[in-house]
């Protein structure tokens, strides 16, 4: 895991692929949210919600990877990772309200 994280971070082509994956993930989530809410495929609310959800997931993933690369074990990182995930998704939930529920 640590070697893979370092390789990705140090290889521009891999960083570019990761950005492309993220964009495709956001697009697919936006389509699913639009379908679930009966909105048009390019609905601004679906796209905005998808972008926000993906941004939170990306930030949490990055923070967790940083902990592991810095030498923490998964067991050591878990309590803070869980607290941060609950806080971040809680904030997002409050901001999105009942959208797509």
Protein backbone atom coordinates (compact mmCIF):
# COMPACT_ATOMS: atom_id res chain seq x y z
CA UNK A 1 0.00 0.00 0.00
CA UNK A 2 2.71 2.46 0.95
CA UNK A 3 4.78 1.74 -2.15
CA UNK A 4 1.73 2.09 -4.38
CA UNK A 5 0.78 5.42 -2.79
CA UNK A 6 4.29 6.76 -3.26
CA UNK A 7 4.39 5.54 -6.86
CA UNK A 8 1.10 7.26 -7.68
CA UNK A 9 2.16 10.49 -5.99
CA UNK A 10 5.50 10.57 -7.81
CA UNK A 11 4.28 9.61 -11.29
CA UNK A 12 2.55 12.37 -13.29
CA UNK A 13 0.90 9.90 -15.66
CA UNK A 14 -0.64 7.99 -12.75
CA UNK A 15 -1.85 11.22 -11.14
CA UNK A 16 -3.48 12.13 -14.44
CA UNK A 17 -5.17 8.73 -14.65
CA UNK A 18 -6.40 9.14 -11.08
CA UNK A 19 -7.92 12.53 -11.99
CA UNK A 20 -9.64 10.94 -14.99
CA UNK A 21 -11.01 8.15 -12.83
CA UNK A 22 -12.35 10.71 -10.39
CA UNK A 23 -14.07 12.67 -13.16
CA UNK A 24 -15.67 9.49 -14.57
CA UNK A 25 -16.78 8.50 -11.07
CA UNK A 26 -18.39 11.90 -10.53
CA UNK A 27 -20.15 11.68 -13.89
CA UNK A 28 -21.49 8.19 -13.21
CA UNK A 29 -22.73 9.22 -9.77
CA UNK A 30 -24.40 12.31 -11.25
CA UNK A 31 -26.21 10.13 -13.80
CA UNK A 32 -27.37 7.75 -11.08
CA UNK A 33 -28.59 10.62 -8.91
CA UNK A 34 -30.42 12.19 -11.84
CA UNK A 35 -32.10 8.88 -12.62
CA UNK A 36 -33.01 8.30 -8.95
CA UNK A 37 -34.63 11.73 -8.71
CA UNK A 38 -36.26 11.74 -12.16
CA UNK A 39 -34.11 14.66 -13.29
CA UNK A 40 -32.50 15.24 -16.65
CA UNK A 41 -29.08 13.57 -17.11
CA UNK A 42 -27.33 16.95 -17.00
CA UNK A 43 -29.27 18.26 -13.99
CA UNK A 44 -27.23 20.80 -12.06
CA UNK A 45 -28.34 19.48 -8.66
CA UNK A 46 -27.35 15.91 -9.53
CA UNK A 47 -23.97 17.07 -10.84
CA UNK A 48 -23.38 19.31 -7.82
CA UNK A 49 -24.30 16.59 -5.33
CA UNK A 50 -22.08 14.09 -7.13
CA UNK A 51 -19.16 16.52 -7.14
CA UNK A 52 -19.57 17.19 -3.42
CA UNK A 53 -19.81 13.50 -2.53
CA UNK A 54 -16.78 12.70 -4.65
CA UNK A 55 -14.80 15.59 -3.14
CA UNK A 56 -15.48 14.34 0.39
CA UNK A 57 -14.50 10.79 -0.54
CA UNK A 58 -11.32 12.04 -2.21
CA UNK A 59 -10.33 14.16 0.79
CA UNK A 60 -10.94 11.34 3.25
CA UNK A 61 -9.05 8.86 1.08
CA UNK A 62 -6.12 11.25 0.76
CA UNK A 63 -5.99 11.88 4.50
CA UNK A 64 -6.07 8.15 5.24
CA UNK A 65 -3.37 7.41 2.68
CA UNK A 66 -1.22 10.16 4.19
CA UNK A 67 -1.52 8.53 7.61
CA UNK A 68 -0.50 5.14 6.27
CA UNK A 69 2.41 6.56 4.27
CA UNK A 70 3.54 8.41 7.41
CA UNK A 71 3.79 5.08 9.22
CA UNK A 72 0.49 4.67 11.07
CA UNK A 73 -1.09 1.26 10.99
CA UNK A 74 -4.67 0.92 9.82
CA UNK A 75 -5.70 0.13 13.40
CA UNK A 76 -4.01 3.30 14.65
CA UNK A 77 -5.55 5.43 11.90
CA UNK A 78 -9.04 4.01 12.23
CA UNK A 79 -10.49 6.07 15.13
CA UNK A 80 -9.55 9.43 13.60
CA UNK A 81 -10.51 8.27 10.10
CA UNK A 82 -13.94 7.24 11.35
CA UNK A 83 -14.45 10.50 13.23
CA UNK A 84 -13.43 12.53 10.20
CA UNK A 85 -15.71 10.53 7.90
CA UNK A 86 -18.65 11.01 10.24
CA UNK A 87 -17.93 14.74 10.50
CA UNK A 88 -17.39 15.29 6.78
CA UNK A 89 -20.42 13.30 5.63
CA UNK A 90 -22.47 14.82 8.45
CA UNK A 91 -21.60 18.29 7.20
CA UNK A 92 -22.40 17.27 3.64
CA UNK A 93 -25.69 15.69 4.72
CA UNK A 94 -26.72 18.92 6.42
CA UNK A 95 -25.82 20.86 3.31
CA UNK A 96 -27.65 18.56 0.91
CA UNK A 97 -30.69 18.20 3.12
CA UNK A 98 -33.19 15.69 1.73
CA UNK A 99 -31.88 15.76 -1.84
CA UNK A 100 -31.99 12.26 -3.43
CA UNK A 101 -33.27 10.48 -0.32
